[in-house]
Amino acid sequence: CDMDTSQAYCTCSDGWTGTYCAVDAQAFGNLGGNSSEGLIDVIDTGKTNPATVISALPALLSFLTDEQRVEMSYLVEDMIVDATFEEQTLDVRESFTFFNDPS
């Protein structure tokens, strides 16, 4: 965000939008174009139809950084106590792909 004292808003670099340039422009466009109306519509519809929010969740999560998504994720220890395949104990960290891992 490049603050300009003569303007009441930031000048965003390509690919970013919002008051402080913290919103991915492509994700924002997927939710309704160049305004917040799409996001507001999802929220309003979700008040009466929770399935809408569930289907919009991937788009809503796209507003988060990799670090924020990882912080919201479960730890492998929370999900898997023990795993075996063909009578062999699996190393959970080696045998599973972590889909929220930003690396």
PDB file of N, CA and C in Angstrom:
ATOM      1  N   CYS A   1       0.848  -1.177   0.000  1.00  0.00           N
ATOM      2  CA  CYS A   1       0.000   0.000   0.000  1.00  0.00           C
ATOM      3  C   CYS A   1       0.887   1.231   0.000  1.00  0.00           C
ATOM      4  N   ASP A   2       0.762   2.037  -1.021  1.00  0.00           N
ATOM      5  CA  ASP A   2       1.483   3.306  -1.066  1.00  0.00           C
ATOM      6  C   ASP A   2       0.513   4.408  -0.658  1.00  0.00           C
ATOM      7  N   MET A   3       0.671   4.892   0.584  1.00  0.00           N
ATOM      8  CA  MET A   3      -0.219   5.941   1.091  1.00  0.00           C
ATOM      9  C   MET A   3       0.140   7.274   0.442  1.00  0.00           C
ATOM     10  N   ASP A   4      -0.876   7.972   0.007  1.00  0.00           N
ATOM     11  CA  ASP A   4      -0.708   9.297  -0.577  1.00  0.00           C
ATOM     12  C   ASP A   4      -1.448  10.270   0.325  1.00  0.00           C
ATOM     13  N   THR A   5      -0.740  11.226   0.900  1.00  0.00           N
ATOM     14  CA  THR A   5      -1.375  12.144   1.850  1.00  0.00           C
ATOM     15  C   THR A   5      -2.439  13.010   1.199  1.00  0.00           C
ATOM     16  N   SER A   6      -2.413  13.145  -0.127  1.00  0.00           N
ATOM     17  CA  SER A   6      -3.430  13.954  -0.797  1.00  0.00           C
ATOM     18  C   SER A   6      -4.685  13.147  -1.118  1.00  0.00           C
ATOM     19  N   GLN A   7      -4.636  11.815  -0.878  1.00  0.00           N
ATOM     20  CA  GLN A   7      -5.779  10.960  -1.163  1.00  0.00           C
ATOM     21  C   GLN A   7      -6.177  10.207   0.099  1.00  0.00           C
ATOM     22  N   ALA A   8      -7.428   9.806   0.163  1.00  0.00           N
ATOM     23  CA  ALA A   8      -7.943   9.114   1.348  1.00  0.00           C
ATOM     24  C   ALA A   8      -7.821   7.598   1.228  1.00  0.00           C
ATOM     25  N   TYR A   9      -7.033   7.120   0.303  1.00  0.00           N
ATOM     26  CA  TYR A   9      -6.911   5.676   0.109  1.00  0.00           C
ATOM     27  C   TYR A   9      -5.506   5.330  -0.371  1.00  0.00           C
ATOM     28  N   CYS A  10      -5.226   4.047  -0.380  1.00  0.00           N
ATOM     29  CA  CYS A  10      -3.932   3.544  -0.842  1.00  0.00           C
ATOM     30  C   CYS A  10      -3.929   3.394  -2.355  1.00  0.00           C
ATOM     31  N   THR A  11      -2.760   3.458  -2.937  1.00  0.00           N
ATOM     32  CA  THR A  11      -2.575   3.100  -4.326  1.00  0.00           C
ATOM     33  C   THR A  11      -2.025   1.683  -4.329  1.00  0.00           C
ATOM     34  N   CYS A  12      -2.811   0.751  -4.844  1.00  0.00           N
ATOM     35  CA  CYS A  12      -2.451  -0.671  -4.783  1.00  0.00           C
ATOM     36  C   CYS A  12      -1.614  -1.079  -5.986  1.00  0.00           C
ATOM     37  N   SER A  13      -0.705  -2.006  -5.753  1.00  0.00           N
ATOM     38  CA  SER A  13       0.045  -2.591  -6.858  1.00  0.00           C
ATOM     39  C   SER A  13      -0.857  -3.582  -7.593  1.00  0.00           C
ATOM     40  N   ASP A  14      -0.421  -4.001  -8.775  1.00  0.00           N
ATOM     41  CA  ASP A  14      -1.222  -4.936  -9.577  1.00  0.00           C
ATOM     42  C   ASP A  14      -1.540  -6.196  -8.787  1.00  0.00           C
ATOM     43  N   GLY A  15      -2.788  -6.645  -8.883  1.00  0.00           N
ATOM     44  CA  GLY A  15      -3.203  -7.889  -8.246  1.00  0.00           C
ATOM     45  C   GLY A  15      -3.766  -7.723  -6.851  1.00  0.00           C
ATOM     46  N   TRP A  16      -3.790  -6.497  -6.327  1.00  0.00           N
ATOM     47  CA  TRP A  16      -4.282  -6.253  -4.964  1.00  0.00           C
ATOM     48  C   TRP A  16      -5.317  -5.149  -4.971  1.00  0.00           C
ATOM     49  N   THR A  17      -6.257  -5.214  -4.037  1.00  0.00           N
ATOM     50  CA  THR A  17      -7.320  -4.227  -3.939  1.00  0.00           C
ATOM     51  C   THR A  17      -7.717  -4.056  -2.481  1.00  0.00           C
ATOM     52  N   GLY A  18      -8.653  -3.182  -2.232  1.00  0.00           N
ATOM     53  CA  GLY A  18      -9.131  -2.953  -0.874  1.00  0.00           C
ATOM     54  C   GLY A  18      -8.546  -1.682  -0.284  1.00  0.00           C
ATOM     55  N   THR A  19      -9.071  -1.279   0.850  1.00  0.00           N
ATOM     56  CA  THR A  19      -8.646  -0.040   1.497  1.00  0.00           C
ATOM     57  C   THR A  19      -7.149  -0.011   1.751  1.00  0.00           C
ATOM     58  N   TYR A  20      -6.602  -1.129   2.224  1.00  0.00           N
ATOM     59  CA  TYR A  20      -5.175  -1.193   2.534  1.00  0.00           C
ATOM     60  C   TYR A  20      -4.431  -2.171   1.625  1.00  0.00           C
ATOM     61  N   CYS A  21      -5.005  -2.461   0.456  1.00  0.00           N
ATOM     62  CA  CYS A  21      -4.385  -3.339  -0.544  1.00  0.00           C
ATOM     63  C   CYS A  21      -4.073  -4.721   0.019  1.00  0.00           C
ATOM     64  N   ALA A  22      -4.936  -5.225   0.872  1.00  0.00           N
ATOM     65  CA  ALA A  22      -4.704  -6.519   1.510  1.00  0.00           C
ATOM     66  C   ALA A  22      -5.555  -7.630   0.911  1.00  0.00           C
ATOM     67  N   VAL A  23      -6.335  -7.338  -0.122  1.00  0.00           N
ATOM     68  CA  VAL A  23      -7.244  -8.325  -0.705  1.00  0.00           C
ATOM     69  C   VAL A  23      -6.762  -8.684  -2.107  1.00  0.00           C
ATOM     70  N   ASP A  24      -6.641  -9.976  -2.362  1.00  0.00           N
ATOM     71  CA  ASP A  24      -6.243 -10.460  -3.673  1.00  0.00           C
ATOM     72  C   ASP A  24      -7.332 -10.085  -4.685  1.00  0.00           C
ATOM     73  N   ALA A  25      -6.962  -9.354  -5.723  1.00  0.00           N
ATOM     74  CA  ALA A  25      -7.938  -8.847  -6.695  1.00  0.00           C
ATOM     75  C   ALA A  25      -8.656  -9.971  -7.434  1.00  0.00           C
ATOM     76  N   GLN A  26      -7.959 -11.049  -7.757  1.00  0.00           N
ATOM     77  CA  GLN A  26      -8.602 -12.155  -8.468  1.00  0.00           C
ATOM     78  C   GLN A  26      -9.656 -12.812  -7.585  1.00  0.00           C
ATOM     79  N   ALA A  27      -9.333 -13.040  -6.315  1.00  0.00           N
ATOM     80  CA  ALA A  27     -10.312 -13.636  -5.400  1.00  0.00           C
ATOM     81  C   ALA A  27     -11.497 -12.698  -5.221  1.00  0.00           C
ATOM     82  N   PHE A  28     -11.226 -11.409  -5.115  1.00  0.00           N
ATOM     83  CA  PHE A  28     -12.288 -10.428  -4.950  1.00  0.00           C
ATOM     84  C   PHE A  28     -13.194 -10.424  -6.172  1.00  0.00           C
ATOM     85  N   GLY A  29     -12.599 -10.498  -7.360  1.00  0.00           N
ATOM     86  CA  GLY A  29     -13.378 -10.547  -8.589  1.00  0.00           C
ATOM     87  C   GLY A  29     -14.249 -11.789  -8.674  1.00  0.00           C
ATOM     88  N   ASN A  30     -13.730 -12.910  -8.174  1.00  0.00           N
ATOM     89  CA  ASN A  30     -14.508 -14.150  -8.184  1.00  0.00           C
ATOM     90  C   ASN A  30     -15.761 -14.045  -7.328  1.00  0.00           C
ATOM     91  N   LEU A  31     -15.733 -13.166  -6.346  1.00  0.00           N
ATOM     92  CA  LEU A  31     -16.882 -13.012  -5.459  1.00  0.00           C
ATOM     93  C   LEU A  31     -17.847 -11.929  -5.908  1.00  0.00           C
ATOM     94  N   GLY A  32     -17.583 -11.264  -6.999  1.00  0.00           N
ATOM     95  CA  GLY A  32     -18.582 -10.302  -7.439  1.00  0.00           C
ATOM     96  C   GLY A  32     -18.045  -9.075  -8.119  1.00  0.00           C
ATOM     97  N   GLY A  33     -16.877  -9.122  -8.659  1.00  0.00           N
ATOM     98  CA  GLY A  33     -16.394  -8.003  -9.441  1.00  0.00           C
ATOM     99  C   GLY A  33     -15.614  -6.992  -8.651  1.00  0.00           C
ATOM    100  N   ASN A  34     -15.818  -5.745  -9.008  1.00  0.00           N
ATOM    101  CA  ASN A  34     -15.002  -4.672  -8.457  1.00  0.00           C
ATOM    102  C   ASN A  34     -15.631  -3.978  -7.262  1.00  0.00           C
ATOM    103  N   SER A  35     -16.580  -4.611  -6.617  1.00  0.00           N
ATOM    104  CA  SER A  35     -17.183  -4.026  -5.425  1.00  0.00           C
ATOM    105  C   SER A  35     -17.349  -5.108  -4.385  1.00  0.00           C
ATOM    106  N   SER A  36     -17.760  -4.708  -3.209  1.00  0.00           N
ATOM    107  CA  SER A  36     -17.951  -5.684  -2.135  1.00  0.00           C
ATOM    108  C   SER A  36     -19.345  -6.303  -2.181  1.00  0.00           C
ATOM    109  N   GLU A  37     -20.141  -5.974  -3.191  1.00  0.00           N
ATOM    110  CA  GLU A  37     -21.512  -6.481  -3.267  1.00  0.00           C
ATOM    111  C   GLU A  37     -21.565  -8.002  -3.297  1.00  0.00           C
ATOM    112  N   GLY A  38     -20.656  -8.639  -4.033  1.00  0.00           N
ATOM    113  CA  GLY A  38     -20.649 -10.100  -4.101  1.00  0.00           C
ATOM    114  C   GLY A  38     -20.418 -10.725  -2.746  1.00  0.00           C
ATOM    115  N   LEU A  39     -19.470 -10.191  -2.001  1.00  0.00           N
ATOM    116  CA  LEU A  39     -19.182 -10.708  -0.665  1.00  0.00           C
ATOM    117  C   LEU A  39     -20.347 -10.453   0.275  1.00  0.00           C
ATOM    118  N   ILE A  40     -20.942  -9.280   0.196  1.00  0.00           N
ATOM    119  CA  ILE A  40     -22.096  -8.955   1.042  1.00  0.00           C
ATOM    120  C   ILE A  40     -23.266  -9.871   0.707  1.00  0.00           C
ATOM    121  N   ASP A  41     -23.466 -10.157  -0.582  1.00  0.00           N
ATOM    122  CA  ASP A  41     -24.533 -11.084  -0.984  1.00  0.00           C
ATOM    123  C   ASP A  41     -24.314 -12.474  -0.401  1.00  0.00           C
ATOM    124  N   VAL A  42     -23.066 -12.954  -0.417  1.00  0.00           N
ATOM    125  CA  VAL A  42     -22.762 -14.273   0.153  1.00  0.00           C
ATOM    126  C   VAL A  42     -23.091 -14.283   1.638  1.00  0.00           C
ATOM    127  N   ILE A  43     -22.708 -13.229   2.344  1.00  0.00           N
ATOM    128  CA  ILE A  43     -22.966 -13.150   3.786  1.00  0.00           C
ATOM    129  C   ILE A  43     -24.465 -13.089   4.057  1.00  0.00           C
ATOM    130  N   ASP A  44     -25.190 -12.246   3.325  1.00  0.00           N
ATOM    131  CA  ASP A  44     -26.637 -12.132   3.534  1.00  0.00           C
ATOM    132  C   ASP A  44     -27.355 -13.440   3.228  1.00  0.00           C
ATOM    133  N   THR A  45     -26.984 -14.089   2.145  1.00  0.00           N
ATOM    134  CA  THR A  45     -27.603 -15.364   1.796  1.00  0.00           C
ATOM    135  C   THR A  45     -27.273 -16.423   2.834  1.00  0.00           C
ATOM    136  N   GLY A  46     -26.067 -16.384   3.356  1.00  0.00           N
ATOM    137  CA  GLY A  46     -25.645 -17.353   4.360  1.00  0.00           C
ATOM    138  C   GLY A  46     -26.434 -17.284   5.645  1.00  0.00           C
ATOM    139  N   LYS A  47     -27.042 -16.142   5.915  1.00  0.00           N
ATOM    140  CA  LYS A  47     -27.859 -16.007   7.126  1.00  0.00           C
ATOM    141  C   LYS A  47     -29.081 -16.914   7.077  1.00  0.00           C
ATOM    142  N   THR A  48     -29.603 -17.143   5.880  1.00  0.00           N
ATOM    143  CA  THR A  48     -30.793 -17.986   5.749  1.00  0.00           C
ATOM    144  C   THR A  48     -30.498 -19.325   5.084  1.00  0.00           C
ATOM    145  N   ASN A  49     -29.378 -19.419   4.386  1.00  0.00           N
ATOM    146  CA  ASN A  49     -29.033 -20.645   3.676  1.00  0.00           C
ATOM    147  C   ASN A  49     -27.551 -20.965   3.895  1.00  0.00           C
ATOM    148  N   PRO A  50     -27.221 -21.650   4.987  1.00  0.00           N
ATOM    149  CA  PRO A  50     -25.816 -21.933   5.302  1.00  0.00           C
ATOM    150  C   PRO A  50     -25.075 -22.699   4.204  1.00  0.00           C
ATOM    151  N   ALA A  51     -25.788 -23.451   3.376  1.00  0.00           N
ATOM    152  CA  ALA A  51     -25.128 -24.196   2.300  1.00  0.00           C
ATOM    153  C   ALA A  51     -24.412 -23.255   1.333  1.00  0.00           C
ATOM    154  N   THR A  52     -24.918 -22.041   1.187  1.00  0.00           N
ATOM    155  CA  THR A  52     -24.274 -21.061   0.318  1.00  0.00           C
ATOM    156  C   THR A  52     -22.885 -20.725   0.833  1.00  0.00           C
ATOM    157  N   VAL A  53     -22.768 -20.551   2.136  1.00  0.00           N
ATOM    158  CA  VAL A  53     -21.471 -20.224   2.723  1.00  0.00           C
ATOM    159  C   VAL A  53     -20.510 -21.391   2.530  1.00  0.00           C
ATOM    160  N   ILE A  54     -21.018 -22.612   2.685  1.00  0.00           N
ATOM    161  CA  ILE A  54     -20.171 -23.791   2.504  1.00  0.00           C
ATOM    162  C   ILE A  54     -19.639 -23.847   1.076  1.00  0.00           C
ATOM    163  N   SER A  55     -20.492 -23.581   0.099  1.00  0.00           N
ATOM    164  CA  SER A  55     -20.037 -23.632  -1.297  1.00  0.00           C
ATOM    165  C   SER A  55     -19.117 -22.457  -1.629  1.00  0.00           C
ATOM    166  N   ALA A  56     -19.255 -21.345  -0.916  1.00  0.00           N
ATOM    167  CA  ALA A  56     -18.409 -20.177  -1.161  1.00  0.00           C
ATOM    168  C   ALA A  56     -17.127 -20.201  -0.341  1.00  0.00           C
ATOM    169  N   LEU A  57     -16.989 -21.177   0.549  1.00  0.00           N
ATOM    170  CA  LEU A  57     -15.842 -21.213   1.451  1.00  0.00           C
ATOM    171  C   LEU A  57     -14.494 -21.176   0.734  1.00  0.00           C
ATOM    172  N   PRO A  58     -14.290 -21.924  -0.348  1.00  0.00           N
ATOM    173  CA  PRO A  58     -12.989 -21.817  -1.024  1.00  0.00           C
ATOM    174  C   PRO A  58     -12.676 -20.394  -1.485  1.00  0.00           C
ATOM    175  N   ALA A  59     -13.674 -19.687  -1.998  1.00  0.00           N
ATOM    176  CA  ALA A  59     -13.447 -18.305  -2.424  1.00  0.00           C
ATOM    177  C   ALA A  59     -13.164 -17.413  -1.227  1.00  0.00           C
ATOM    178  N   LEU A  60     -13.900 -17.621  -0.132  1.00  0.00           N
ATOM    179  CA  LEU A  60     -13.669 -16.815   1.065  1.00  0.00           C
ATOM    180  C   LEU A  60     -12.281 -17.083   1.643  1.00  0.00           C
ATOM    181  N   LEU A  61     -11.864 -18.337   1.644  1.00  0.00           N
ATOM    182  CA  LEU A  61     -10.536 -18.679   2.162  1.00  0.00           C
ATOM    183  C   LEU A  61      -9.419 -18.128   1.286  1.00  0.00           C
ATOM    184  N   SER A  62      -9.723 -17.858   0.025  1.00  0.00           N
ATOM    185  CA  SER A  62      -8.687 -17.326  -0.856  1.00  0.00           C
ATOM    186  C   SER A  62      -8.251 -15.926  -0.450  1.00  0.00           C
ATOM    187  N   PHE A  63      -9.043 -15.259   0.395  1.00  0.00           N
ATOM    188  CA  PHE A  63      -8.648 -13.949   0.900  1.00  0.00           C
ATOM    189  C   PHE A  63      -7.563 -14.054   1.961  1.00  0.00           C
ATOM    190  N   LEU A  64      -7.370 -15.234   2.536  1.00  0.00           N
ATOM    191  CA  LEU A  64      -6.402 -15.416   3.614  1.00  0.00           C
ATOM    192  C   LEU A  64      -5.010 -15.682   3.057  1.00  0.00           C
ATOM    193  N   THR A  65      -4.014 -15.307   3.835  1.00  0.00           N
ATOM    194  CA  THR A  65      -2.642 -15.619   3.454  1.00  0.00           C
ATOM    195  C   THR A  65      -2.364 -17.088   3.748  1.00  0.00           C
ATOM    196  N   ASP A  66      -1.264 -17.600   3.212  1.00  0.00           N
ATOM    197  CA  ASP A  66      -0.873 -18.982   3.506  1.00  0.00           C
ATOM    198  C   ASP A  66      -0.700 -19.182   5.004  1.00  0.00           C
ATOM    199  N   GLU A  67      -0.093 -18.207   5.666  1.00  0.00           N
ATOM    200  CA  GLU A  67       0.144 -18.326   7.101  1.00  0.00           C
ATOM    201  C   GLU A  67      -1.169 -18.400   7.879  1.00  0.00           C
ATOM    202  N   GLN A  68      -2.151 -17.600   7.482  1.00  0.00           N
ATOM    203  CA  GLN A  68      -3.448 -17.624   8.165  1.00  0.00           C
ATOM    204  C   GLN A  68      -4.153 -18.960   7.957  1.00  0.00           C
ATOM    205  N   ARG A  69      -4.086 -19.512   6.740  1.00  0.00           N
ATOM    206  CA  ARG A  69      -4.723 -20.806   6.488  1.00  0.00           C
ATOM    207  C   ARG A  69      -4.055 -21.915   7.284  1.00  0.00           C
ATOM    208  N   VAL A  70      -2.730 -21.883   7.372  1.00  0.00           N
ATOM    209  CA  VAL A  70      -2.017 -22.904   8.143  1.00  0.00           C
ATOM    210  C   VAL A  70      -2.382 -22.796   9.617  1.00  0.00           C
ATOM    211  N   GLU A  71      -2.494 -21.569  10.147  1.00  0.00           N
ATOM    212  CA  GLU A  71      -2.871 -21.382  11.552  1.00  0.00           C
ATOM    213  C   GLU A  71      -4.263 -21.937  11.839  1.00  0.00           C
ATOM    214  N   MET A  72      -5.165 -21.888  10.868  1.00  0.00           N
ATOM    215  CA  MET A  72      -6.527 -22.386  11.054  1.00  0.00           C
ATOM    216  C   MET A  72      -6.620 -23.901  10.905  1.00  0.00           C
ATOM    217  N   SER A  73      -5.591 -24.511  10.366  1.00  0.00           N
ATOM    218  CA  SER A  73      -5.620 -25.944  10.086  1.00  0.00           C
ATOM    219  C   SER A  73      -5.421 -26.763  11.352  1.00  0.00           C
ATOM    220  N   TYR A  74      -5.867 -28.008  11.272  1.00  0.00           N
ATOM    221  CA  TYR A  74      -5.597 -28.966  12.338  1.00  0.00           C
ATOM    222  C   TYR A  74      -4.154 -29.431  12.235  1.00  0.00           C
ATOM    223  N   LEU A  75      -3.582 -29.790  13.360  1.00  0.00           N
ATOM    224  CA  LEU A  75      -2.283 -30.447  13.363  1.00  0.00           C
ATOM    225  C   LEU A  75      -2.490 -31.918  13.042  1.00  0.00           C
ATOM    226  N   VAL A  76      -1.497 -32.544  12.448  1.00  0.00           N
ATOM    227  CA  VAL A  76      -1.631 -33.956  12.101  1.00  0.00           C
ATOM    228  C   VAL A  76      -1.889 -34.787  13.354  1.00  0.00           C
ATOM    229  N   GLU A  77      -1.323 -34.386  14.479  1.00  0.00           N
ATOM    230  CA  GLU A  77      -1.533 -35.113  15.734  1.00  0.00           C
ATOM    231  C   GLU A  77      -2.991 -35.037  16.191  1.00  0.00           C
ATOM    232  N   ASP A  78      -3.699 -33.981  15.793  1.00  0.00           N
ATOM    233  CA  ASP A  78      -5.119 -33.843  16.126  1.00  0.00           C
ATOM    234  C   ASP A  78      -5.990 -34.762  15.268  1.00  0.00           C
ATOM    235  N   MET A  79      -5.509 -35.118  14.102  1.00  0.00           N
ATOM    236  CA  MET A  79      -6.317 -35.861  13.140  1.00  0.00           C
ATOM    237  C   MET A  79      -6.033 -37.363  13.119  1.00  0.00           C
ATOM    238  N   ILE A  80      -4.762 -37.743  13.263  1.00  0.00           N
ATOM    239  CA  ILE A  80      -4.379 -39.145  13.082  1.00  0.00           C
ATOM    240  C   ILE A  80      -3.607 -39.620  14.306  1.00  0.00           C
ATOM    241  N   VAL A  81      -4.118 -40.668  14.935  1.00  0.00           N
ATOM    242  CA  VAL A  81      -3.439 -41.251  16.093  1.00  0.00           C
ATOM    243  C   VAL A  81      -2.437 -42.299  15.631  1.00  0.00           C
ATOM    244  N   ASP A  82      -2.869 -43.155  14.709  1.00  0.00           N
ATOM    245  CA  ASP A  82      -2.029 -44.249  14.236  1.00  0.00           C
ATOM    246  C   ASP A  82      -2.460 -44.595  12.816  1.00  0.00           C
ATOM    247  N   ALA A  83      -1.505 -44.937  11.965  1.00  0.00           N
ATOM    248  CA  ALA A  83      -1.844 -45.308  10.592  1.00  0.00           C
ATOM    249  C   ALA A  83      -0.954 -46.459  10.138  1.00  0.00           C
ATOM    250  N   THR A  84      -1.586 -47.425   9.490  1.00  0.00           N
ATOM    251  CA  THR A  84      -0.839 -48.544   8.916  1.00  0.00           C
ATOM    252  C   THR A  84      -1.342 -48.806   7.508  1.00  0.00           C
ATOM    253  N   PHE A  85      -0.477 -49.405   6.705  1.00  0.00           N
ATOM    254  CA  PHE A  85      -0.842 -49.823   5.356  1.00  0.00           C
ATOM    255  C   PHE A  85      -0.106 -51.121   5.079  1.00  0.00           C
ATOM    256  N   GLU A  86      -0.855 -52.139   4.707  1.00  0.00           N
ATOM    257  CA  GLU A  86      -0.310 -53.469   4.462  1.00  0.00           C
ATOM    258  C   GLU A  86       0.570 -53.920   5.627  1.00  0.00           C
ATOM    259  N   GLU A  87       0.015 -53.748   6.811  1.00  0.00           N
ATOM    260  CA  GLU A  87       0.631 -54.166   8.067  1.00  0.00           C
ATOM    261  C   GLU A  87       1.948 -53.455   8.376  1.00  0.00           C
ATOM    262  N   GLN A  88       2.192 -52.342   7.719  1.00  0.00           N
ATOM    263  CA  GLN A  88       3.381 -51.533   7.996  1.00  0.00           C
ATOM    264  C   GLN A  88       2.934 -50.216   8.618  1.00  0.00           C
ATOM    265  N   THR A  89       3.583 -49.835   9.711  1.00  0.00           N
ATOM    266  CA  THR A  89       3.269 -48.561  10.345  1.00  0.00           C
ATOM    267  C   THR A  89       3.753 -47.429   9.446  1.00  0.00           C
ATOM    268  N   LEU A  90       2.895 -46.451   9.249  1.00  0.00           N
ATOM    269  CA  LEU A  90       3.241 -45.307   8.405  1.00  0.00           C
ATOM    270  C   LEU A  90       3.813 -44.175   9.243  1.00  0.00           C
ATOM    271  N   ASP A  91       4.765 -43.481   8.674  1.00  0.00           N
ATOM    272  CA  ASP A  91       5.242 -42.236   9.258  1.00  0.00           C
ATOM    273  C   ASP A  91       4.301 -41.156   8.722  1.00  0.00           C
ATOM    274  N   VAL A  92       3.451 -40.660   9.579  1.00  0.00           N
ATOM    275  CA  VAL A  92       2.391 -39.748   9.149  1.00  0.00           C
ATOM    276  C   VAL A  92       2.959 -38.517   8.444  1.00  0.00           C
ATOM    277  N   ARG A  93       4.054 -37.995   8.918  1.00  0.00           N
ATOM    278  CA  ARG A  93       4.639 -36.795   8.306  1.00  0.00           C
ATOM    279  C   ARG A  93       5.203 -37.073   6.910  1.00  0.00           C
ATOM    280  N   GLU A  94       5.623 -38.304   6.658  1.00  0.00           N
ATOM    281  CA  GLU A  94       6.192 -38.659   5.361  1.00  0.00           C
ATOM    282  C   GLU A  94       5.147 -39.204   4.390  1.00  0.00           C
ATOM    283  N   SER A  95       4.114 -39.839   4.902  1.00  0.00           N
ATOM    284  CA  SER A  95       3.169 -40.574   4.060  1.00  0.00           C
ATOM    285  C   SER A  95       1.976 -39.758   3.593  1.00  0.00           C
ATOM    286  N   PHE A  96       1.738 -38.594   4.185  1.00  0.00           N
ATOM    287  CA  PHE A  96       0.578 -37.785   3.840  1.00  0.00           C
ATOM    288  C   PHE A  96       1.021 -36.437   3.300  1.00  0.00           C
ATOM    289  N   THR A  97       0.252 -35.922   2.360  1.00  0.00           N
ATOM    290  CA  THR A  97       0.506 -34.593   1.814  1.00  0.00           C
ATOM    291  C   THR A  97      -0.278 -33.578   2.624  1.00  0.00           C
ATOM    292  N   PHE A  98       0.392 -32.541   3.074  1.00  0.00           N
ATOM    293  CA  PHE A  98      -0.267 -31.483   3.832  1.00  0.00           C
ATOM    294  C   PHE A  98      -0.698 -30.410   2.843  1.00  0.00           C
ATOM    295  N   PHE A  99      -2.010 -30.316   2.599  1.00  0.00           N
ATOM    296  CA  PHE A  99      -2.493 -29.454   1.527  1.00  0.00           C
ATOM    297  C   PHE A  99      -2.494 -27.982   1.873  1.00  0.00           C
ATOM    298  N   ASN A 100      -2.371 -27.614   3.155  1.00  0.00           N
ATOM    299  CA  ASN A 100      -2.273 -26.201   3.508  1.00  0.00           C
ATOM    300  C   ASN A 100      -0.836 -25.769   3.733  1.00  0.00           C
ATOM    301  N   ASP A 101       0.098 -26.668   3.481  1.00  0.00           N
ATOM    302  CA  ASP A 101       1.506 -26.349   3.647  1.00  0.00           C
ATOM    303  C   ASP A 101       1.923 -25.424   2.508  1.00  0.00           C
ATOM    304  N   PRO A 102       2.329 -24.187   2.802  1.00  0.00           N
ATOM    305  CA  PRO A 102       2.642 -23.241   1.729  1.00  0.00           C
ATOM    306  C   PRO A 102       3.942 -23.533   0.994  1.00  0.00           C
ATOM    307  N   SER A 103       4.745 -24.474   1.483  1.00  0.00           N
ATOM    308  CA  SER A 103       6.035 -24.734   0.830  1.00  0.00           C
ATOM    309  C   SER A 103       5.877 -25.592  -0.410  1.00  0.00           C
TER     310      SER A 103
END
